[in-house]
Amino acid sequence: MRRFNWPLWSGLLLAILAFLSYFFFFARFPITRDVPWASYLLFLVAIVMLVVGWRRAPKKILPTIITVLGLFVAGVFTFIVNAFTKDLPVSPHAPAIGTKAPEIVLLDANKHTVALSQLLGSSNGVLLVFYRGYW
């Protein structure tokens, strides 16, 4: 009697789910978008299930195709994430290294106006940190 090879089919389904879940869910959060560790973990479980399902199968033609398809999905995901999400576009208007910063006036923590020229006149240098996030 032939048994259903659930690790093989579950591994393929999990590989497809890991691929889609990054773009529809995990890409929303910086902790899983910048380094897609959750998707890689899902792919690791999927690959283990595919290998177990392949080893369990009595005939190897269809399980080999399914295992290669699951590995292909993991490979395409890794390529897409590494090739298209790491590079920032080049800004033609960005100041070059060593050029003088433009004059900026901002409020400090006590709501007093502070100009960059004031800080440069009273110290040896100023470090500007632009933080794009929540305080």
C-alpha atoms as a PDB file:
ATOM      1  CA  MET A   1       0.000   0.000   0.000  1.00  0.00           C
ATOM      2  CA  ARG A   2       1.319   3.394  -1.005  1.00  0.00           C
ATOM      3  CA  ARG A   3       1.503   6.112   1.629  1.00  0.00           C
ATOM      4  CA  PHE A   4       1.160   9.828   0.997  1.00  0.00           C
ATOM      5  CA  ASN A   5       4.570  11.496   1.151  1.00  0.00           C
ATOM      6  CA  TRP A   6       3.574  14.441   3.346  1.00  0.00           C
ATOM      7  CA  PRO A   7       7.104  15.723   4.116  1.00  0.00           C
ATOM      8  CA  LEU A   8       7.814  16.171   0.414  1.00  0.00           C
ATOM      9  CA  TRP A   9       4.639  18.079  -0.402  1.00  0.00           C
ATOM     10  CA  SER A  10       4.726  20.033   2.873  1.00  0.00           C
ATOM     11  CA  GLY A  11       8.311  21.057   2.153  1.00  0.00           C
ATOM     12  CA  LEU A  12       7.364  22.387  -1.270  1.00  0.00           C
ATOM     13  CA  LEU A  13       4.360  24.230   0.159  1.00  0.00           C
ATOM     14  CA  LEU A  14       6.493  25.693   2.953  1.00  0.00           C
ATOM     15  CA  ALA A  15       9.147  26.850   0.454  1.00  0.00           C
ATOM     16  CA  ILE A  16       6.495  28.669  -1.581  1.00  0.00           C
ATOM     17  CA  LEU A  17       4.986  30.104   1.608  1.00  0.00           C
ATOM     18  CA  ALA A  18       8.424  31.311   2.772  1.00  0.00           C
ATOM     19  CA  PHE A  19       8.950  33.032  -0.582  1.00  0.00           C
ATOM     20  CA  LEU A  20       5.595  34.806  -0.556  1.00  0.00           C
ATOM     21  CA  SER A  21       5.543  35.612   3.170  1.00  0.00           C
ATOM     22  CA  TYR A  22       8.627  37.811   2.919  1.00  0.00           C
ATOM     23  CA  PHE A  23       7.136  40.095   0.284  1.00  0.00           C
ATOM     24  CA  PHE A  24       3.618  40.200   1.743  1.00  0.00           C
ATOM     25  CA  PHE A  25       4.390  40.184   5.482  1.00  0.00           C
ATOM     26  CA  PHE A  26       8.023  40.198   6.639  1.00  0.00           C
ATOM     27  CA  ALA A  27       9.097  43.113   4.409  1.00  0.00           C
ATOM     28  CA  ARG A  28       6.925  45.429   6.519  1.00  0.00           C
ATOM     29  CA  PHE A  29       9.140  45.159   9.589  1.00  0.00           C
ATOM     30  CA  PRO A  30      12.772  46.360   9.676  1.00  0.00           C
ATOM     31  CA  ILE A  31      13.900  43.438  11.846  1.00  0.00           C
ATOM     32  CA  THR A  32      12.862  40.902   9.200  1.00  0.00           C
ATOM     33  CA  ARG A  33      13.247  43.121   6.123  1.00  0.00           C
ATOM     34  CA  ASP A  34      16.905  44.090   6.448  1.00  0.00           C
ATOM     35  CA  VAL A  35      18.080  40.549   7.215  1.00  0.00           C
ATOM     36  CA  PRO A  36      15.345  38.073   6.238  1.00  0.00           C
ATOM     37  CA  TRP A  37      16.192  35.583   8.992  1.00  0.00           C
ATOM     38  CA  ALA A  38      12.577  34.449   9.402  1.00  0.00           C
ATOM     39  CA  SER A  39      12.312  33.558   5.728  1.00  0.00           C
ATOM     40  CA  TYR A  40      15.681  31.800   5.793  1.00  0.00           C
ATOM     41  CA  LEU A  41      14.529  29.792   8.797  1.00  0.00           C
ATOM     42  CA  LEU A  42      11.356  28.773   6.946  1.00  0.00           C
ATOM     43  CA  PHE A  43      13.466  27.794   3.920  1.00  0.00           C
ATOM     44  CA  LEU A  44      15.747  25.713   6.131  1.00  0.00           C
ATOM     45  CA  VAL A  45      12.779  23.779   7.535  1.00  0.00           C
ATOM     46  CA  ALA A  46      11.359  23.401   4.027  1.00  0.00           C
ATOM     47  CA  ILE A  47      14.642  22.024   2.670  1.00  0.00           C
ATOM     48  CA  VAL A  48      14.901  19.525   5.528  1.00  0.00           C
ATOM     49  CA  MET A  49      11.343  18.383   4.823  1.00  0.00           C
ATOM     50  CA  LEU A  50      12.079  18.086   1.101  1.00  0.00           C
ATOM     51  CA  VAL A  51      15.163  15.963   1.731  1.00  0.00           C
ATOM     52  CA  VAL A  52      13.276  13.731   4.194  1.00  0.00           C
ATOM     53  CA  GLY A  53      10.446  13.356   1.684  1.00  0.00           C
ATOM     54  CA  TRP A  54      12.887  12.570  -1.125  1.00  0.00           C
ATOM     55  CA  ARG A  55      14.649   9.907   0.941  1.00  0.00           C
ATOM     56  CA  ARG A  56      11.308   8.409   1.982  1.00  0.00           C
ATOM     57  CA  ALA A  57       9.975   8.052  -1.579  1.00  0.00           C
ATOM     58  CA  PRO A  58      10.230   4.598  -3.212  1.00  0.00           C
ATOM     59  CA  LYS A  59      10.385   6.057  -6.723  1.00  0.00           C
ATOM     60  CA  LYS A  60      12.684   9.018  -7.162  1.00  0.00           C
ATOM     61  CA  ILE A  61      11.592  10.801 -10.370  1.00  0.00           C
ATOM     62  CA  LEU A  62       8.716  12.985  -9.096  1.00  0.00           C
ATOM     63  CA  PRO A  63      10.301  13.558  -5.655  1.00  0.00           C
ATOM     64  CA  THR A  64      13.514  14.700  -7.338  1.00  0.00           C
ATOM     65  CA  ILE A  65      11.602  17.186  -9.475  1.00  0.00           C
ATOM     66  CA  ILE A  66       9.711  18.500  -6.441  1.00  0.00           C
ATOM     67  CA  THR A  67      12.895  18.766  -4.349  1.00  0.00           C
ATOM     68  CA  VAL A  68      14.729  20.622  -7.119  1.00  0.00           C
ATOM     69  CA  LEU A  69      11.726  22.935  -7.507  1.00  0.00           C
ATOM     70  CA  GLY A  70      11.771  23.718  -3.773  1.00  0.00           C
ATOM     71  CA  LEU A  71      15.524  24.377  -3.866  1.00  0.00           C
ATOM     72  CA  PHE A  72      15.011  26.573  -6.926  1.00  0.00           C
ATOM     73  CA  VAL A  73      12.421  28.657  -5.048  1.00  0.00           C
ATOM     74  CA  ALA A  74      14.882  29.113  -2.156  1.00  0.00           C
ATOM     75  CA  GLY A  75      17.674  30.050  -4.563  1.00  0.00           C
ATOM     76  CA  VAL A  76      15.548  32.577  -6.451  1.00  0.00           C
ATOM     77  CA  PHE A  77      14.502  34.160  -3.148  1.00  0.00           C
ATOM     78  CA  THR A  78      18.103  34.436  -1.976  1.00  0.00           C
ATOM     79  CA  PHE A  79      19.151  35.979  -5.282  1.00  0.00           C
ATOM     80  CA  ILE A  80      16.290  38.498  -5.319  1.00  0.00           C
ATOM     81  CA  VAL A  81      16.810  39.586  -1.728  1.00  0.00           C
ATOM     82  CA  ASN A  82      20.590  39.938  -2.057  1.00  0.00           C
ATOM     83  CA  ALA A  83      20.668  41.457  -5.528  1.00  0.00           C
ATOM     84  CA  PHE A  84      17.813  43.942  -5.388  1.00  0.00           C
ATOM     85  CA  THR A  85      17.342  45.088  -1.793  1.00  0.00           C
ATOM     86  CA  LYS A  86      20.817  46.030  -0.564  1.00  0.00           C
ATOM     87  CA  ASP A  87      21.962  48.800  -2.891  1.00  0.00           C
ATOM     88  CA  LEU A  88      20.863  52.362  -2.298  1.00  0.00           C
ATOM     89  CA  PRO A  89      20.396  54.639  -5.287  1.00  0.00           C
ATOM     90  CA  VAL A  90      23.130  57.191  -5.940  1.00  0.00           C
ATOM     91  CA  SER A  91      22.054  60.752  -5.219  1.00  0.00           C
ATOM     92  CA  PRO A  92      23.401  63.290  -7.719  1.00  0.00           C
ATOM     93  CA  HIS A  93      22.868  66.160  -5.247  1.00  0.00           C
ATOM     94  CA  ALA A  94      24.595  64.581  -2.237  1.00  0.00           C
ATOM     95  CA  PRO A  95      27.540  66.593  -0.913  1.00  0.00           C
ATOM     96  CA  ALA A  96      30.957  65.092  -1.502  1.00  0.00           C
ATOM     97  CA  ILE A  97      33.216  64.015   1.334  1.00  0.00           C
ATOM     98  CA  GLY A  98      35.132  66.967   2.746  1.00  0.00           C
ATOM     99  CA  THR A  99      32.807  69.705   1.468  1.00  0.00           C
ATOM    100  CA  LYS A 100      31.337  72.209   3.895  1.00  0.00           C
ATOM    101  CA  ALA A 101      27.868  71.346   5.136  1.00  0.00           C
ATOM    102  CA  PRO A 102      25.078  73.770   4.250  1.00  0.00           C
ATOM    103  CA  GLU A 103      23.833  76.064   6.986  1.00  0.00           C
ATOM    104  CA  ILE A 104      21.084  74.460   9.057  1.00  0.00           C
ATOM    105  CA  VAL A 105      19.098  75.867  11.946  1.00  0.00           C
ATOM    106  CA  LEU A 106      17.192  73.492  14.234  1.00  0.00           C
ATOM    107  CA  LEU A 107      15.673  73.397  17.692  1.00  0.00           C
ATOM    108  CA  ASP A 108      17.531  71.667  20.501  1.00  0.00           C
ATOM    109  CA  ALA A 109      15.968  69.650  23.332  1.00  0.00           C
ATOM    110  CA  ASN A 110      15.101  72.866  25.228  1.00  0.00           C
ATOM    111  CA  LYS A 111      13.389  74.446  22.194  1.00  0.00           C
ATOM    112  CA  HIS A 112      16.241  76.943  21.620  1.00  0.00           C
ATOM    113  CA  THR A 113      17.352  77.693  18.088  1.00  0.00           C
ATOM    114  CA  VAL A 114      20.819  76.357  17.288  1.00  0.00           C
ATOM    115  CA  ALA A 115      22.663  77.080  14.038  1.00  0.00           C
ATOM    116  CA  LEU A 116      25.421  74.923  12.619  1.00  0.00           C
ATOM    117  CA  SER A 117      27.699  77.956  12.297  1.00  0.00           C
ATOM    118  CA  GLN A 118      27.346  78.615  16.069  1.00  0.00           C
ATOM    119  CA  LEU A 119      28.467  75.087  16.857  1.00  0.00           C
ATOM    120  CA  LEU A 120      31.375  75.220  14.413  1.00  0.00           C
ATOM    121  CA  GLY A 121      32.605  78.497  15.908  1.00  0.00           C
ATOM    122  CA  SER A 122      32.627  77.200  19.484  1.00  0.00           C
ATOM    123  CA  SER A 123      34.239  73.776  18.952  1.00  0.00           C
ATOM    124  CA  ASN A 124      36.754  71.866  16.871  1.00  0.00           C
ATOM    125  CA  GLY A 125      34.096  70.034  14.903  1.00  0.00           C
ATOM    126  CA  VAL A 126      30.512  68.897  14.768  1.00  0.00           C
ATOM    127  CA  LEU A 127      29.191  65.448  14.092  1.00  0.00           C
ATOM    128  CA  LEU A 128      25.847  65.434  12.296  1.00  0.00           C
ATOM    129  CA  VAL A 129      23.745  62.310  12.702  1.00  0.00           C
ATOM    130  CA  PHE A 130      20.559  62.013  10.690  1.00  0.00           C
ATOM    131  CA  TYR A 131      18.406  59.352  12.279  1.00  0.00           C
ATOM    132  CA  ARG A 132      15.379  58.137  10.371  1.00  0.00           C
ATOM    133  CA  GLY A 133      13.387  56.429  13.022  1.00  0.00           C
ATOM    134  CA  TYR A 134      11.568  56.863  16.253  1.00  0.00           C
ATOM    135  CA  TRP A 135      13.112  58.315  19.391  1.00  0.00           C
END
